[in-house]
Amino acid sequence: MTQPTTDKIVHHFREWQNLENETYSLADNLQQKTSNPFIRMIMEVIKRDSQKHKVMQQFIIDALTKEAVHLTPEELIPLAEILDNHIKAEARSMALANACALEESRNFFVDFVVEALLADEAKHHSMLRTLDHVKGAVYQYGQAKEQHITDAFR
């Protein structure tokens, strides 16, 4: 990626972060002006998502302007068991969310929140499966599978 392209991307992400600040403030303002629990919950979710988005955007900015992102076997291998347990927990959460969604409460507000929860659980599971895929590319003793194969033929 060329420097002008990187600079443009970083600029866009910084603008986006500013919009997340605005989104947070607007959601907070709406939340404070209502006593309706559904609206208050939606605004709380939006505020937290805005904060999460800013963290993700900053990660991208840092990845493009500071040290390149890396993930070594030494960092990942010790986390394998916890990662596996987390994937299983998210799968159970998705199953419960699916069960709730299939029941259809016939209450718009409940069904709306259940669908949002299901989407979040699916996203979490997908993110963890991606990390697990990276883990799977790492040889069990801390070498990438490709490196282990290359070393074996030397």
C-alpha atoms as a PDB file:
ATOM      1  CA  MET A   1       0.000   0.000   0.000  1.00  0.00           C
ATOM      2  CA  THR A   2       1.405   3.394  -0.929  1.00  0.00           C
ATOM      3  CA  GLN A   3       1.838   6.148   1.634  1.00  0.00           C
ATOM      4  CA  PRO A   4      -0.816   8.438   0.031  1.00  0.00           C
ATOM      5  CA  THR A   5      -3.306   5.548   0.134  1.00  0.00           C
ATOM      6  CA  THR A   6      -2.458   4.802   3.758  1.00  0.00           C
ATOM      7  CA  ASP A   7      -2.808   8.478   4.628  1.00  0.00           C
ATOM      8  CA  LYS A   8      -6.263   8.603   3.004  1.00  0.00           C
ATOM      9  CA  ILE A   9      -7.429   5.493   4.839  1.00  0.00           C
ATOM     10  CA  VAL A  10      -6.161   6.836   8.158  1.00  0.00           C
ATOM     11  CA  HIS A  11      -7.892  10.150   7.472  1.00  0.00           C
ATOM     12  CA  HIS A  12     -11.182   8.340   6.791  1.00  0.00           C
ATOM     13  CA  PHE A  13     -10.892   6.348   9.997  1.00  0.00           C
ATOM     14  CA  ARG A  14     -10.152   9.470  12.037  1.00  0.00           C
ATOM     15  CA  GLU A  15     -13.222  11.142  10.547  1.00  0.00           C
ATOM     16  CA  TRP A  16     -15.223   8.044  11.357  1.00  0.00           C
ATOM     17  CA  GLN A  17     -13.997   8.160  14.956  1.00  0.00           C
ATOM     18  CA  ASN A  18     -15.282  11.727  15.197  1.00  0.00           C
ATOM     19  CA  LEU A  19     -18.650  10.556  13.900  1.00  0.00           C
ATOM     20  CA  GLU A  20     -18.667   7.833  16.537  1.00  0.00           C
ATOM     21  CA  ASN A  21     -18.206  10.575  19.159  1.00  0.00           C
ATOM     22  CA  GLU A  22     -21.207  12.381  17.689  1.00  0.00           C
ATOM     23  CA  THR A  23     -23.237   9.158  17.569  1.00  0.00           C
ATOM     24  CA  TYR A  24     -22.414   8.486  21.204  1.00  0.00           C
ATOM     25  CA  SER A  25     -23.471  12.003  22.228  1.00  0.00           C
ATOM     26  CA  LEU A  26     -26.724  11.807  20.279  1.00  0.00           C
ATOM     27  CA  ALA A  27     -27.572   8.416  21.772  1.00  0.00           C
ATOM     28  CA  ASP A  28     -26.735   9.699  25.243  1.00  0.00           C
ATOM     29  CA  ASN A  29     -28.936  12.752  24.680  1.00  0.00           C
ATOM     30  CA  LEU A  30     -31.839  10.579  23.509  1.00  0.00           C
ATOM     31  CA  GLN A  31     -31.328   8.218  26.432  1.00  0.00           C
ATOM     32  CA  GLN A  32     -31.485  11.079  28.928  1.00  0.00           C
ATOM     33  CA  LYS A  33     -34.636  12.553  27.385  1.00  0.00           C
ATOM     34  CA  THR A  34     -36.763   9.423  27.671  1.00  0.00           C
ATOM     35  CA  SER A  35     -37.932   7.093  30.367  1.00  0.00           C
ATOM     36  CA  ASN A  36     -38.993   4.436  27.846  1.00  0.00           C
ATOM     37  CA  PRO A  37     -36.998   1.282  28.686  1.00  0.00           C
ATOM     38  CA  PHE A  38     -36.863   0.069  25.067  1.00  0.00           C
ATOM     39  CA  ILE A  39     -35.462   3.349  23.755  1.00  0.00           C
ATOM     40  CA  ARG A  40     -33.066   3.601  26.696  1.00  0.00           C
ATOM     41  CA  MET A  41     -31.779   0.064  26.029  1.00  0.00           C
ATOM     42  CA  ILE A  42     -31.330   0.747  22.296  1.00  0.00           C
ATOM     43  CA  MET A  43     -29.421   3.953  23.039  1.00  0.00           C
ATOM     44  CA  GLU A  44     -27.214   2.121  25.558  1.00  0.00           C
ATOM     45  CA  VAL A  45     -26.384  -0.514  22.947  1.00  0.00           C
ATOM     46  CA  ILE A  46     -25.596   2.180  20.373  1.00  0.00           C
ATOM     47  CA  LYS A  47     -23.356   4.022  22.846  1.00  0.00           C
ATOM     48  CA  ARG A  48     -21.430   0.859  23.652  1.00  0.00           C
ATOM     49  CA  ASP A  49     -21.146  -0.045  19.972  1.00  0.00           C
ATOM     50  CA  SER A  50     -19.781   3.439  19.256  1.00  0.00           C
ATOM     51  CA  GLN A  51     -17.140   2.949  21.934  1.00  0.00           C
ATOM     52  CA  LYS A  52     -16.298  -0.485  20.529  1.00  0.00           C
ATOM     53  CA  HIS A  53     -16.083   0.926  17.001  1.00  0.00           C
ATOM     54  CA  LYS A  54     -13.625   3.576  18.150  1.00  0.00           C
ATOM     55  CA  VAL A  55     -11.395   0.870  19.657  1.00  0.00           C
ATOM     56  CA  MET A  56     -11.505  -1.081  16.405  1.00  0.00           C
ATOM     57  CA  GLN A  57     -10.858   2.037  14.319  1.00  0.00           C
ATOM     58  CA  GLN A  58      -7.900   2.978  16.494  1.00  0.00           C
ATOM     59  CA  PHE A  59      -6.495  -0.519  16.029  1.00  0.00           C
ATOM     60  CA  ILE A  60      -6.654  -0.018  12.258  1.00  0.00           C
ATOM     61  CA  ILE A  61      -5.057   3.427  12.475  1.00  0.00           C
ATOM     62  CA  ASP A  62      -2.263   2.058  14.653  1.00  0.00           C
ATOM     63  CA  ALA A  63      -1.793  -0.957  12.358  1.00  0.00           C
ATOM     64  CA  LEU A  64      -1.315   1.406   9.426  1.00  0.00           C
ATOM     65  CA  THR A  65       0.806   4.048  11.142  1.00  0.00           C
ATOM     66  CA  LYS A  66       2.777   2.258  13.848  1.00  0.00           C
ATOM     67  CA  GLU A  67       4.101  -1.244  14.289  1.00  0.00           C
ATOM     68  CA  ALA A  68       2.730  -3.860  11.908  1.00  0.00           C
ATOM     69  CA  VAL A  69       0.288  -6.301  13.415  1.00  0.00           C
ATOM     70  CA  HIS A  70       1.709  -9.712  14.222  1.00  0.00           C
ATOM     71  CA  LEU A  71       0.640 -12.839  16.005  1.00  0.00           C
ATOM     72  CA  THR A  72       3.286 -15.324  16.977  1.00  0.00           C
ATOM     73  CA  PRO A  73       2.912 -18.947  18.021  1.00  0.00           C
ATOM     74  CA  GLU A  74       4.363 -17.992  21.407  1.00  0.00           C
ATOM     75  CA  GLU A  75       1.480 -15.559  21.873  1.00  0.00           C
ATOM     76  CA  LEU A  76      -1.268 -17.833  20.587  1.00  0.00           C
ATOM     77  CA  ILE A  77      -0.427 -21.372  21.684  1.00  0.00           C
ATOM     78  CA  PRO A  78      -0.801 -20.731  25.452  1.00  0.00           C
ATOM     79  CA  LEU A  79      -4.291 -19.370  24.759  1.00  0.00           C
ATOM     80  CA  ALA A  80      -5.495 -22.390  22.763  1.00  0.00           C
ATOM     81  CA  GLU A  81      -7.498 -24.069  25.542  1.00  0.00           C
ATOM     82  CA  ILE A  82      -9.172 -20.839  26.624  1.00  0.00           C
ATOM     83  CA  LEU A  83      -9.955 -20.005  22.993  1.00  0.00           C
ATOM     84  CA  ASP A  84     -11.513 -23.441  22.490  1.00  0.00           C
ATOM     85  CA  ASN A  85     -13.628 -22.996  25.630  1.00  0.00           C
ATOM     86  CA  HIS A  86     -14.691 -19.532  24.492  1.00  0.00           C
ATOM     87  CA  ILE A  87     -15.750 -20.869  21.082  1.00  0.00           C
ATOM     88  CA  LYS A  88     -17.821 -23.564  22.808  1.00  0.00           C
ATOM     89  CA  ALA A  89     -19.440 -20.997  25.110  1.00  0.00           C
ATOM     90  CA  GLU A  90     -20.311 -18.748  22.160  1.00  0.00           C
ATOM     91  CA  ALA A  91     -21.749 -21.756  20.306  1.00  0.00           C
ATOM     92  CA  ARG A  92     -23.966 -22.515  23.322  1.00  0.00           C
ATOM     93  CA  SER A  93     -25.024 -18.854  23.432  1.00  0.00           C
ATOM     94  CA  MET A  94     -25.904 -18.977  19.737  1.00  0.00           C
ATOM     95  CA  ALA A  95     -27.935 -22.159  20.312  1.00  0.00           C
ATOM     96  CA  LEU A  96     -29.874 -20.491  23.117  1.00  0.00           C
ATOM     97  CA  ALA A  97     -30.425 -17.354  21.037  1.00  0.00           C
ATOM     98  CA  ASN A  98     -31.625 -19.530  18.156  1.00  0.00           C
ATOM     99  CA  ALA A  99     -33.994 -21.379  20.471  1.00  0.00           C
ATOM    100  CA  CYS A 100     -35.388 -18.063  21.685  1.00  0.00           C
ATOM    101  CA  ALA A 101     -35.734 -16.783  18.121  1.00  0.00           C
ATOM    102  CA  LEU A 102     -37.576 -19.928  17.035  1.00  0.00           C
ATOM    103  CA  GLU A 103     -40.099 -19.519  19.841  1.00  0.00           C
ATOM    104  CA  GLU A 104     -41.188 -16.085  18.562  1.00  0.00           C
ATOM    105  CA  SER A 105     -42.726 -14.434  21.571  1.00  0.00           C
ATOM    106  CA  ARG A 106     -45.075 -12.454  19.326  1.00  0.00           C
ATOM    107  CA  ASN A 107     -43.849  -9.427  21.224  1.00  0.00           C
ATOM    108  CA  PHE A 108     -42.143  -7.063  18.773  1.00  0.00           C
ATOM    109  CA  PHE A 109     -39.783  -5.641  21.372  1.00  0.00           C
ATOM    110  CA  VAL A 110     -38.672  -9.018  22.702  1.00  0.00           C
ATOM    111  CA  ASP A 111     -38.239 -10.475  19.213  1.00  0.00           C
ATOM    112  CA  PHE A 112     -36.284  -7.389  18.105  1.00  0.00           C
ATOM    113  CA  VAL A 113     -33.812  -7.741  20.977  1.00  0.00           C
ATOM    114  CA  VAL A 114     -33.510 -11.511  20.516  1.00  0.00           C
ATOM    115  CA  GLU A 115     -32.613 -10.996  16.840  1.00  0.00           C
ATOM    116  CA  ALA A 116     -30.001  -8.385  17.812  1.00  0.00           C
ATOM    117  CA  LEU A 117     -28.537 -10.756  20.392  1.00  0.00           C
ATOM    118  CA  LEU A 118     -28.454 -13.592  17.884  1.00  0.00           C
ATOM    119  CA  ALA A 119     -26.602 -11.397  15.375  1.00  0.00           C
ATOM    120  CA  ASP A 120     -24.057 -10.405  18.043  1.00  0.00           C
ATOM    121  CA  GLU A 121     -23.501 -13.994  19.156  1.00  0.00           C
ATOM    122  CA  ALA A 122     -23.007 -15.084  15.537  1.00  0.00           C
ATOM    123  CA  LYS A 123     -20.498 -12.265  15.031  1.00  0.00           C
ATOM    124  CA  HIS A 124     -18.586 -13.213  18.184  1.00  0.00           C
ATOM    125  CA  HIS A 125     -18.506 -16.854  17.120  1.00  0.00           C
ATOM    126  CA  SER A 126     -17.243 -15.882  13.664  1.00  0.00           C
ATOM    127  CA  MET A 127     -14.478 -13.713  15.128  1.00  0.00           C
ATOM    128  CA  LEU A 128     -13.366 -16.496  17.447  1.00  0.00           C
ATOM    129  CA  ARG A 129     -13.465 -19.073  14.639  1.00  0.00           C
ATOM    130  CA  THR A 130     -11.194 -16.783  12.598  1.00  0.00           C
ATOM    131  CA  LEU A 131      -8.749 -16.637  15.490  1.00  0.00           C
ATOM    132  CA  ASP A 132      -9.045 -20.406  15.825  1.00  0.00           C
ATOM    133  CA  HIS A 133      -8.243 -20.758  12.120  1.00  0.00           C
ATOM    134  CA  VAL A 134      -5.049 -18.778  12.684  1.00  0.00           C
ATOM    135  CA  LYS A 135      -4.288 -21.003  15.656  1.00  0.00           C
ATOM    136  CA  GLY A 136      -4.850 -24.057  13.443  1.00  0.00           C
ATOM    137  CA  ALA A 137      -2.137 -22.841  11.088  1.00  0.00           C
ATOM    138  CA  VAL A 138       0.345 -22.992  13.936  1.00  0.00           C
ATOM    139  CA  TYR A 139       2.132 -26.288  14.537  1.00  0.00           C
ATOM    140  CA  GLN A 140       1.486 -27.759  17.973  1.00  0.00           C
ATOM    141  CA  TYR A 141       5.049 -27.112  19.149  1.00  0.00           C
ATOM    142  CA  GLY A 142       5.031 -23.461  18.268  1.00  0.00           C
ATOM    143  CA  GLN A 143       6.119 -23.498  14.632  1.00  0.00           C
ATOM    144  CA  ALA A 144       3.949 -22.701  11.680  1.00  0.00           C
ATOM    145  CA  LYS A 145       3.040 -25.922   9.865  1.00  0.00           C
ATOM    146  CA  GLU A 146       4.813 -24.692   6.737  1.00  0.00           C
ATOM    147  CA  GLN A 147       8.014 -24.026   8.706  1.00  0.00           C
ATOM    148  CA  HIS A 148       7.867 -27.473  10.316  1.00  0.00           C
ATOM    149  CA  ILE A 149       7.544 -29.082   6.892  1.00  0.00           C
ATOM    150  CA  THR A 150      10.386 -26.976   5.484  1.00  0.00           C
ATOM    151  CA  ASP A 151      12.633 -27.866   8.439  1.00  0.00           C
ATOM    152  CA  ALA A 152      11.835 -31.555   8.009  1.00  0.00           C
ATOM    153  CA  PHE A 153      13.251 -31.543   4.444  1.00  0.00           C
ATOM    154  CA  ARG A 154      16.508 -29.734   5.264  1.00  0.00           C
END
